[in-house]
Amino acid sequence: MRYVRVKWEHDFEDDPVVYLSELGEDGYELRKVQIYRDGRTEWADETRETETVGLSEIAFPSNEEISSSPGFCARDISREEFERFWREAKS
């Protein structure tokens, strides 16, 4: 498993500013947490998606590829860090 945090710097009030993803060995998302500017969180997994949060249908790009786009910064995180945000988002 791999865990990634992507920060998106933008001025859109209704879009997330942080994405946290759990990736399988094939690079596809298994679970995702979205964090909004106002502190609100949303989550998705293989059994639950909503109109505003869902798993990507393509393999996750490398951190370097994501970070090369203006406004985006991606880095690996620990499983423990991901799990902490996952629990908070689901509560």
PDB file of N, CA and C in Angstrom:
ATOM      1  N   MET A   1       0.838  -1.181   0.000  1.00  0.00           N
ATOM      2  CA  MET A   1       0.000   0.000   0.000  1.00  0.00           C
ATOM      3  C   MET A   1       0.883   1.244   0.000  1.00  0.00           C
ATOM      4  N   ARG A   2       0.331   2.280  -0.555  1.00  0.00           N
ATOM      5  CA  ARG A   2       0.992   3.581  -0.572  1.00  0.00           C
ATOM      6  C   ARG A   2      -0.050   4.615  -0.164  1.00  0.00           C
ATOM      7  N   TYR A   3       0.397   5.629   0.561  1.00  0.00           N
ATOM      8  CA  TYR A   3      -0.497   6.673   1.054  1.00  0.00           C
ATOM      9  C   TYR A   3       0.058   8.018   0.604  1.00  0.00           C
ATOM     10  N   VAL A   4      -0.819   8.845   0.022  1.00  0.00           N
ATOM     11  CA  VAL A   4      -0.385  10.110  -0.579  1.00  0.00           C
ATOM     12  C   VAL A   4      -1.277  11.250  -0.100  1.00  0.00           C
ATOM     13  N   ARG A   5      -0.646  12.383   0.133  1.00  0.00           N
ATOM     14  CA  ARG A   5      -1.351  13.625   0.473  1.00  0.00           C
ATOM     15  C   ARG A   5      -1.088  14.619  -0.650  1.00  0.00           C
ATOM     16  N   VAL A   6      -2.155  15.163  -1.215  1.00  0.00           N
ATOM     17  CA  VAL A   6      -2.033  16.165  -2.278  1.00  0.00           C
ATOM     18  C   VAL A   6      -2.681  17.458  -1.790  1.00  0.00           C
ATOM     19  N   LYS A   7      -1.898  18.512  -1.756  1.00  0.00           N
ATOM     20  CA  LYS A   7      -2.419  19.833  -1.382  1.00  0.00           C
ATOM     21  C   LYS A   7      -2.663  20.608  -2.673  1.00  0.00           C
ATOM     22  N   TRP A   8      -3.835  21.243  -2.747  1.00  0.00           N
ATOM     23  CA  TRP A   8      -4.208  22.018  -3.931  1.00  0.00           C
ATOM     24  C   TRP A   8      -4.467  23.454  -3.495  1.00  0.00           C
ATOM     25  N   GLU A   9      -3.625  24.367  -3.925  1.00  0.00           N
ATOM     26  CA  GLU A   9      -3.781  25.778  -3.598  1.00  0.00           C
ATOM     27  C   GLU A   9      -4.633  26.433  -4.685  1.00  0.00           C
ATOM     28  N   HIS A  10      -5.793  26.952  -4.271  1.00  0.00           N
ATOM     29  CA  HIS A  10      -6.725  27.583  -5.203  1.00  0.00           C
ATOM     30  C   HIS A  10      -7.672  28.494  -4.442  1.00  0.00           C
ATOM     31  N   ASP A  11      -8.520  29.193  -5.182  1.00  0.00           N
ATOM     32  CA  ASP A  11      -9.469  30.126  -4.577  1.00  0.00           C
ATOM     33  C   ASP A  11     -10.914  29.673  -4.697  1.00  0.00           C
ATOM     34  N   PHE A  12     -11.148  28.445  -5.099  1.00  0.00           N
ATOM     35  CA  PHE A  12     -12.506  27.932  -5.267  1.00  0.00           C
ATOM     36  C   PHE A  12     -13.071  27.505  -3.915  1.00  0.00           C
ATOM     37  N   GLU A  13     -14.127  28.133  -3.489  1.00  0.00           N
ATOM     38  CA  GLU A  13     -14.703  27.867  -2.165  1.00  0.00           C
ATOM     39  C   GLU A  13     -15.299  26.460  -2.042  1.00  0.00           C
ATOM     40  N   ASP A  14     -15.793  25.912  -3.126  1.00  0.00           N
ATOM     41  CA  ASP A  14     -16.508  24.636  -3.051  1.00  0.00           C
ATOM     42  C   ASP A  14     -15.658  23.413  -3.380  1.00  0.00           C
ATOM     43  N   ASP A  15     -14.355  23.598  -3.581  1.00  0.00           N
ATOM     44  CA  ASP A  15     -13.484  22.469  -3.923  1.00  0.00           C
ATOM     45  C   ASP A  15     -12.541  22.140  -2.771  1.00  0.00           C
ATOM     46  N   PRO A  16     -12.159  20.870  -2.647  1.00  0.00           N
ATOM     47  CA  PRO A  16     -11.232  20.476  -1.575  1.00  0.00           C
ATOM     48  C   PRO A  16      -9.875  21.161  -1.723  1.00  0.00           C
ATOM     49  N   VAL A  17      -9.184  21.304  -0.608  1.00  0.00           N
ATOM     50  CA  VAL A  17      -7.827  21.848  -0.625  1.00  0.00           C
ATOM     51  C   VAL A  17      -6.787  20.773  -0.321  1.00  0.00           C
ATOM     52  N   VAL A  18      -7.226  19.631   0.220  1.00  0.00           N
ATOM     53  CA  VAL A  18      -6.328  18.505   0.494  1.00  0.00           C
ATOM     54  C   VAL A  18      -7.048  17.210   0.124  1.00  0.00           C
ATOM     55  N   TYR A  19      -6.300  16.335  -0.548  1.00  0.00           N
ATOM     56  CA  TYR A  19      -6.770  14.989  -0.876  1.00  0.00           C
ATOM     57  C   TYR A  19      -5.806  13.998  -0.237  1.00  0.00           C
ATOM     58  N   LEU A  20      -6.339  12.988   0.432  1.00  0.00           N
ATOM     59  CA  LEU A  20      -5.524  11.919   0.986  1.00  0.00           C
ATOM     60  C   LEU A  20      -6.006  10.621   0.366  1.00  0.00           C
ATOM     61  N   SER A  21      -5.068   9.843  -0.190  1.00  0.00           N
ATOM     62  CA  SER A  21      -5.450   8.631  -0.897  1.00  0.00           C
ATOM     63  C   SER A  21      -4.662   7.430  -0.407  1.00  0.00           C
ATOM     64  N   GLU A  22      -5.377   6.312  -0.282  1.00  0.00           N
ATOM     65  CA  GLU A  22      -4.747   5.019  -0.055  1.00  0.00           C
ATOM     66  C   GLU A  22      -4.726   4.330  -1.415  1.00  0.00           C
ATOM     67  N   LEU A  23      -3.541   3.899  -1.843  1.00  0.00           N
ATOM     68  CA  LEU A  23      -3.389   3.290  -3.155  1.00  0.00           C
ATOM     69  C   LEU A  23      -3.020   1.823  -3.016  1.00  0.00           C
ATOM     70  N   GLY A  24      -3.602   0.989  -3.876  1.00  0.00           N
ATOM     71  CA  GLY A  24      -3.252  -0.415  -3.916  1.00  0.00           C
ATOM     72  C   GLY A  24      -1.954  -0.621  -4.684  1.00  0.00           C
ATOM     73  N   GLU A  25      -1.509  -1.854  -4.739  1.00  0.00           N
ATOM     74  CA  GLU A  25      -0.263  -2.185  -5.445  1.00  0.00           C
ATOM     75  C   GLU A  25      -0.320  -1.804  -6.919  1.00  0.00           C
ATOM     76  N   ASP A  26      -1.524  -1.756  -7.492  1.00  0.00           N
ATOM     77  CA  ASP A  26      -1.689  -1.407  -8.907  1.00  0.00           C
ATOM     78  C   ASP A  26      -1.766   0.094  -9.140  1.00  0.00           C
ATOM     79  N   GLY A  27      -1.696   0.896  -8.063  1.00  0.00           N
ATOM     80  CA  GLY A  27      -1.713   2.346  -8.197  1.00  0.00           C
ATOM     81  C   GLY A  27      -3.101   2.963  -8.212  1.00  0.00           C
ATOM     82  N   TYR A  28      -4.137   2.144  -8.066  1.00  0.00           N
ATOM     83  CA  TYR A  28      -5.503   2.668  -8.039  1.00  0.00           C
ATOM     84  C   TYR A  28      -5.923   2.981  -6.604  1.00  0.00           C
ATOM     85  N   GLU A  29      -6.767   4.010  -6.470  1.00  0.00           N
ATOM     86  CA  GLU A  29      -7.252   4.396  -5.152  1.00  0.00           C
ATOM     87  C   GLU A  29      -8.167   3.325  -4.562  1.00  0.00           C
ATOM     88  N   LEU A  30      -7.968   3.067  -3.271  1.00  0.00           N
ATOM     89  CA  LEU A  30      -8.834   2.167  -2.511  1.00  0.00           C
ATOM     90  C   LEU A  30      -9.726   2.951  -1.555  1.00  0.00           C
ATOM     91  N   ARG A  31      -9.171   4.029  -1.014  1.00  0.00           N
ATOM     92  CA  ARG A  31      -9.914   4.922  -0.122  1.00  0.00           C
ATOM     93  C   ARG A  31      -9.408   6.337  -0.350  1.00  0.00           C
ATOM     94  N   LYS A  32     -10.297   7.313  -0.096  1.00  0.00           N
ATOM     95  CA  LYS A  32      -9.931   8.719  -0.291  1.00  0.00           C
ATOM     96  C   LYS A  32     -10.638   9.581   0.744  1.00  0.00           C
ATOM     97  N   VAL A  33      -9.919  10.604   1.214  1.00  0.00           N
ATOM     98  CA  VAL A  33     -10.486  11.635   2.078  1.00  0.00           C
ATOM     99  C   VAL A  33     -10.247  12.978   1.393  1.00  0.00           C
ATOM    100  N   GLN A  34     -11.276  13.813   1.366  1.00  0.00           N
ATOM    101  CA  GLN A  34     -11.152  15.171   0.857  1.00  0.00           C
ATOM    102  C   GLN A  34     -11.392  16.129   2.008  1.00  0.00           C
ATOM    103  N   ILE A  35     -10.524  17.133   2.119  1.00  0.00           N
ATOM    104  CA  ILE A  35     -10.633  18.138   3.175  1.00  0.00           C
ATOM    105  C   ILE A  35     -10.867  19.490   2.513  1.00  0.00           C
ATOM    106  N   TYR A  36     -11.873  20.195   3.013  1.00  0.00           N
ATOM    107  CA  TYR A  36     -12.248  21.486   2.458  1.00  0.00           C
ATOM    108  C   TYR A  36     -11.709  22.627   3.310  1.00  0.00           C
ATOM    109  N   ARG A  37     -11.666  23.787   2.727  1.00  0.00           N
ATOM    110  CA  ARG A  37     -11.144  24.991   3.385  1.00  0.00           C
ATOM    111  C   ARG A  37     -11.821  25.258   4.726  1.00  0.00           C
ATOM    112  N   ASP A  38     -13.118  24.965   4.826  1.00  0.00           N
ATOM    113  CA  ASP A  38     -13.864  25.223   6.064  1.00  0.00           C
ATOM    114  C   ASP A  38     -13.719  24.101   7.099  1.00  0.00           C
ATOM    115  N   GLY A  39     -12.868  23.095   6.802  1.00  0.00           N
ATOM    116  CA  GLY A  39     -12.640  21.998   7.731  1.00  0.00           C
ATOM    117  C   GLY A  39     -13.518  20.787   7.499  1.00  0.00           C
ATOM    118  N   ARG A  40     -14.515  20.928   6.651  1.00  0.00           N
ATOM    119  CA  ARG A  40     -15.408  19.810   6.321  1.00  0.00           C
ATOM    120  C   ARG A  40     -14.611  18.721   5.601  1.00  0.00           C
ATOM    121  N   THR A  41     -14.980  17.464   5.843  1.00  0.00           N
ATOM    122  CA  THR A  41     -14.328  16.343   5.176  1.00  0.00           C
ATOM    123  C   THR A  41     -15.366  15.451   4.503  1.00  0.00           C
ATOM    124  N   GLU A  42     -14.936  14.767   3.466  1.00  0.00           N
ATOM    125  CA  GLU A  42     -15.748  13.759   2.796  1.00  0.00           C
ATOM    126  C   GLU A  42     -14.853  12.569   2.518  1.00  0.00           C
ATOM    127  N   TRP A  43     -15.473  11.425   2.328  1.00  0.00           N
ATOM    128  CA  TRP A  43     -14.681  10.223   2.096  1.00  0.00           C
ATOM    129  C   TRP A  43     -15.368   9.309   1.094  1.00  0.00           C
ATOM    130  N   ALA A  44     -14.550   8.429   0.498  1.00  0.00           N
ATOM    131  CA  ALA A  44     -15.058   7.418  -0.427  1.00  0.00           C
ATOM    132  C   ALA A  44     -14.191   6.181  -0.293  1.00  0.00           C
ATOM    133  N   ASP A  45     -14.801   5.041  -0.562  1.00  0.00           N
ATOM    134  CA  ASP A  45     -14.050   3.789  -0.655  1.00  0.00           C
ATOM    135  C   ASP A  45     -14.669   2.955  -1.776  1.00  0.00           C
ATOM    136  N   GLU A  46     -14.291   1.692  -1.864  1.00  0.00           N
ATOM    137  CA  GLU A  46     -14.767   0.858  -2.961  1.00  0.00           C
ATOM    138  C   GLU A  46     -16.262   0.569  -2.895  1.00  0.00           C
ATOM    139  N   THR A  47     -16.887   0.843  -1.759  1.00  0.00           N
ATOM    140  CA  THR A  47     -18.322   0.571  -1.617  1.00  0.00           C
ATOM    141  C   THR A  47     -19.168   1.831  -1.472  1.00  0.00           C
ATOM    142  N   ARG A  48     -18.529   3.006  -1.329  1.00  0.00           N
ATOM    143  CA  ARG A  48     -19.286   4.241  -1.101  1.00  0.00           C
ATOM    144  C   ARG A  48     -18.657   5.411  -1.839  1.00  0.00           C
ATOM    145  N   GLU A  49     -19.451   6.039  -2.687  1.00  0.00           N
ATOM    146  CA  GLU A  49     -19.077   7.270  -3.351  1.00  0.00           C
ATOM    147  C   GLU A  49     -20.289   8.198  -3.331  1.00  0.00           C
ATOM    148  N   THR A  50     -20.053   9.493  -3.477  1.00  0.00           N
ATOM    149  CA  THR A  50     -21.148  10.462  -3.525  1.00  0.00           C
ATOM    150  C   THR A  50     -20.978  11.323  -4.774  1.00  0.00           C
ATOM    151  N   GLU A  51     -21.848  12.306  -4.919  1.00  0.00           N
ATOM    152  CA  GLU A  51     -21.742  13.221  -6.057  1.00  0.00           C
ATOM    153  C   GLU A  51     -20.464  14.051  -6.006  1.00  0.00           C
ATOM    154  N   THR A  52     -19.906  14.253  -4.822  1.00  0.00           N
ATOM    155  CA  THR A  52     -18.746  15.134  -4.683  1.00  0.00           C
ATOM    156  C   THR A  52     -17.436  14.423  -4.356  1.00  0.00           C
ATOM    157  N   VAL A  53     -17.482  13.149  -4.044  1.00  0.00           N
ATOM    158  CA  VAL A  53     -16.238  12.413  -3.773  1.00  0.00           C
ATOM    159  C   VAL A  53     -16.365  10.991  -4.297  1.00  0.00           C
ATOM    160  N   GLY A  54     -15.337  10.575  -5.013  1.00  0.00           N
ATOM    161  CA  GLY A  54     -15.298   9.219  -5.546  1.00  0.00           C
ATOM    162  C   GLY A  54     -13.863   8.834  -5.837  1.00  0.00           C
ATOM    163  N   LEU A  55     -13.653   7.560  -6.072  1.00  0.00           N
ATOM    164  CA  LEU A  55     -12.317   7.069  -6.386  1.00  0.00           C
ATOM    165  C   LEU A  55     -12.003   7.327  -7.853  1.00  0.00           C
ATOM    166  N   SER A  56     -10.761   7.595  -8.131  1.00  0.00           N
ATOM    167  CA  SER A  56     -10.318   7.837  -9.494  1.00  0.00           C
ATOM    168  C   SER A  56     -10.450   6.565 -10.328  1.00  0.00           C
ATOM    169  N   GLU A  57     -10.770   6.726 -11.586  1.00  0.00           N
ATOM    170  CA  GLU A  57     -10.904   5.582 -12.488  1.00  0.00           C
ATOM    171  C   GLU A  57      -9.614   5.276 -13.225  1.00  0.00           C
ATOM    172  N   ILE A  58      -8.564   6.051 -12.963  1.00  0.00           N
ATOM    173  CA  ILE A  58      -7.258   5.810 -13.569  1.00  0.00           C
ATOM    174  C   ILE A  58      -6.224   5.637 -12.461  1.00  0.00           C
ATOM    175  N   ALA A  59      -5.105   5.012 -12.804  1.00  0.00           N
ATOM    176  CA  ALA A  59      -4.033   4.826 -11.824  1.00  0.00           C
ATOM    177  C   ALA A  59      -3.485   6.188 -11.387  1.00  0.00           C
ATOM    178  N   PHE A  60      -3.104   6.271 -10.131  1.00  0.00           N
ATOM    179  CA  PHE A  60      -2.616   7.511  -9.532  1.00  0.00           C
ATOM    180  C   PHE A  60      -1.253   7.858 -10.130  1.00  0.00           C
ATOM    181  N   PRO A  61      -1.055   9.113 -10.553  1.00  0.00           N
ATOM    182  CA  PRO A  61       0.250   9.507 -11.093  1.00  0.00           C
ATOM    183  C   PRO A  61       1.305   9.596  -9.996  1.00  0.00           C
ATOM    184  N   SER A  62       2.546   9.763 -10.401  1.00  0.00           N
ATOM    185  CA  SER A  62       3.632   9.906  -9.422  1.00  0.00           C
ATOM    186  C   SER A  62       3.506  11.257  -8.721  1.00  0.00           C
ATOM    187  N   ASN A  63       4.111  11.348  -7.547  1.00  0.00           N
ATOM    188  CA  ASN A  63       4.108  12.611  -6.810  1.00  0.00           C
ATOM    189  C   ASN A  63       4.770  13.716  -7.632  1.00  0.00           C
ATOM    190  N   GLU A  64       5.821  13.366  -8.363  1.00  0.00           N
ATOM    191  CA  GLU A  64       6.520  14.354  -9.183  1.00  0.00           C
ATOM    192  C   GLU A  64       5.613  14.887 -10.287  1.00  0.00           C
ATOM    193  N   GLU A  65       4.856  13.993 -10.907  1.00  0.00           N
ATOM    194  CA  GLU A  65       3.949  14.423 -11.968  1.00  0.00           C
ATOM    195  C   GLU A  65       2.861  15.345 -11.417  1.00  0.00           C
ATOM    196  N   ILE A  66       2.287  14.982 -10.275  1.00  0.00           N
ATOM    197  CA  ILE A  66       1.252  15.821  -9.659  1.00  0.00           C
ATOM    198  C   ILE A  66       1.831  17.178  -9.278  1.00  0.00           C
ATOM    199  N   SER A  67       2.987  17.169  -8.628  1.00  0.00           N
ATOM    200  CA  SER A  67       3.598  18.406  -8.133  1.00  0.00           C
ATOM    201  C   SER A  67       4.092  19.315  -9.251  1.00  0.00           C
ATOM    202  N   SER A  68       4.230  18.792 -10.451  1.00  0.00           N
ATOM    203  CA  SER A  68       4.669  19.629 -11.570  1.00  0.00           C
ATOM    204  C   SER A  68       3.538  20.511 -12.099  1.00  0.00           C
ATOM    205  N   SER A  69       2.305  20.237 -11.678  1.00  0.00           N
ATOM    206  CA  SER A  69       1.168  21.076 -12.069  1.00  0.00           C
ATOM    207  C   SER A  69       1.066  22.262 -11.118  1.00  0.00           C
ATOM    208  N   PRO A  70       0.860  23.468 -11.644  1.00  0.00           N
ATOM    209  CA  PRO A  70       0.775  24.658 -10.778  1.00  0.00           C
ATOM    210  C   PRO A  70      -0.304  24.503  -9.697  1.00  0.00           C
ATOM    211  N   GLY A  71       0.073  24.833  -8.465  1.00  0.00           N
ATOM    212  CA  GLY A  71      -0.867  24.809  -7.353  1.00  0.00           C
ATOM    213  C   GLY A  71      -0.958  23.485  -6.630  1.00  0.00           C
ATOM    214  N   PHE A  72      -0.296  22.444  -7.137  1.00  0.00           N
ATOM    215  CA  PHE A  72      -0.379  21.121  -6.524  1.00  0.00           C
ATOM    216  C   PHE A  72       0.952  20.722  -5.895  1.00  0.00           C
ATOM    217  N   CYS A  73       0.858  20.074  -4.737  1.00  0.00           N
ATOM    218  CA  CYS A  73       2.039  19.545  -4.051  1.00  0.00           C
ATOM    219  C   CYS A  73       1.665  18.179  -3.471  1.00  0.00           C
ATOM    220  N   ALA A  74       2.349  17.130  -3.926  1.00  0.00           N
ATOM    221  CA  ALA A  74       2.054  15.771  -3.476  1.00  0.00           C
ATOM    222  C   ALA A  74       3.245  15.195  -2.727  1.00  0.00           C
ATOM    223  N   ARG A  75       2.925  14.419  -1.681  1.00  0.00           N
ATOM    224  CA  ARG A  75       3.975  13.730  -0.924  1.00  0.00           C
ATOM    225  C   ARG A  75       3.397  12.464  -0.312  1.00  0.00           C
ATOM    226  N   ASP A  76       4.259  11.491  -0.103  1.00  0.00           N
ATOM    227  CA  ASP A  76       3.841  10.277   0.587  1.00  0.00           C
ATOM    228  C   ASP A  76       3.653  10.576   2.061  1.00  0.00           C
ATOM    229  N   ILE A  77       2.710   9.879   2.665  1.00  0.00           N
ATOM    230  CA  ILE A  77       2.475   9.980   4.101  1.00  0.00           C
ATOM    231  C   ILE A  77       2.455   8.568   4.675  1.00  0.00           C
ATOM    232  N   SER A  78       2.454   8.473   5.982  1.00  0.00           N
ATOM    233  CA  SER A  78       2.417   7.167   6.634  1.00  0.00           C
ATOM    234  C   SER A  78       0.994   6.614   6.659  1.00  0.00           C
ATOM    235  N   ARG A  79       0.898   5.326   6.843  1.00  0.00           N
ATOM    236  CA  ARG A  79      -0.414   4.699   6.992  1.00  0.00           C
ATOM    237  C   ARG A  79      -1.129   5.278   8.213  1.00  0.00           C
ATOM    238  N   GLU A  80      -0.376   5.505   9.288  1.00  0.00           N
ATOM    239  CA  GLU A  80      -0.960   6.037  10.517  1.00  0.00           C
ATOM    240  C   GLU A  80      -1.579   7.414  10.287  1.00  0.00           C
ATOM    241  N   GLU A  81      -0.886   8.261   9.530  1.00  0.00           N
ATOM    242  CA  GLU A  81      -1.435   9.588   9.251  1.00  0.00           C
ATOM    243  C   GLU A  81      -2.723   9.470   8.435  1.00  0.00           C
ATOM    244  N   PHE A  82      -2.712   8.616   7.406  1.00  0.00           N
ATOM    245  CA  PHE A  82      -3.918   8.428   6.615  1.00  0.00           C
ATOM    246  C   PHE A  82      -5.065   7.918   7.488  1.00  0.00           C
ATOM    247  N   GLU A  83      -4.796   6.910   8.310  1.00  0.00           N
ATOM    248  CA  GLU A  83      -5.840   6.317   9.142  1.00  0.00           C
ATOM    249  C   GLU A  83      -6.444   7.330  10.103  1.00  0.00           C
ATOM    250  N   ARG A  84      -5.628   8.238  10.615  1.00  0.00           N
ATOM    251  CA  ARG A  84      -6.135   9.277  11.520  1.00  0.00           C
ATOM    252  C   ARG A  84      -7.158  10.153  10.795  1.00  0.00           C
ATOM    253  N   PHE A  85      -6.831  10.601   9.599  1.00  0.00           N
ATOM    254  CA  PHE A  85      -7.772  11.412   8.825  1.00  0.00           C
ATOM    255  C   PHE A  85      -8.991  10.601   8.401  1.00  0.00           C
ATOM    256  N   TRP A  86      -8.795   9.330   8.075  1.00  0.00           N
ATOM    257  CA  TRP A  86      -9.910   8.452   7.681  1.00  0.00           C
ATOM    258  C   TRP A  86     -10.921   8.334   8.812  1.00  0.00           C
ATOM    259  N   ARG A  87     -10.425   8.048  10.018  1.00  0.00           N
ATOM    260  CA  ARG A  87     -11.312   7.927  11.176  1.00  0.00           C
ATOM    261  C   ARG A  87     -12.060   9.232  11.433  1.00  0.00           C
ATOM    262  N   GLU A  88     -11.366  10.352  11.367  1.00  0.00           N
ATOM    263  CA  GLU A  88     -11.999  11.658  11.598  1.00  0.00           C
ATOM    264  C   GLU A  88     -13.060  11.942  10.549  1.00  0.00           C
ATOM    265  N   ALA A  89     -12.788  11.624   9.298  1.00  0.00           N
ATOM    266  CA  ALA A  89     -13.739  11.886   8.214  1.00  0.00           C
ATOM    267  C   ALA A  89     -14.997  11.043   8.358  1.00  0.00           C
ATOM    268  N   LYS A  90     -14.849   9.826   8.843  1.00  0.00           N
ATOM    269  CA  LYS A  90     -15.995   8.920   8.963  1.00  0.00           C
ATOM    270  C   LYS A  90     -16.817   9.142  10.231  1.00  0.00           C
ATOM    271  N   SER A  91     -16.302   9.910  11.170  1.00  0.00           N
ATOM    272  CA  SER A  91     -17.051  10.099  12.428  1.00  0.00           C
ATOM    273  C   SER A  91     -18.031  11.244  12.347  1.00  0.00           C
TER     274      SER A  91
END
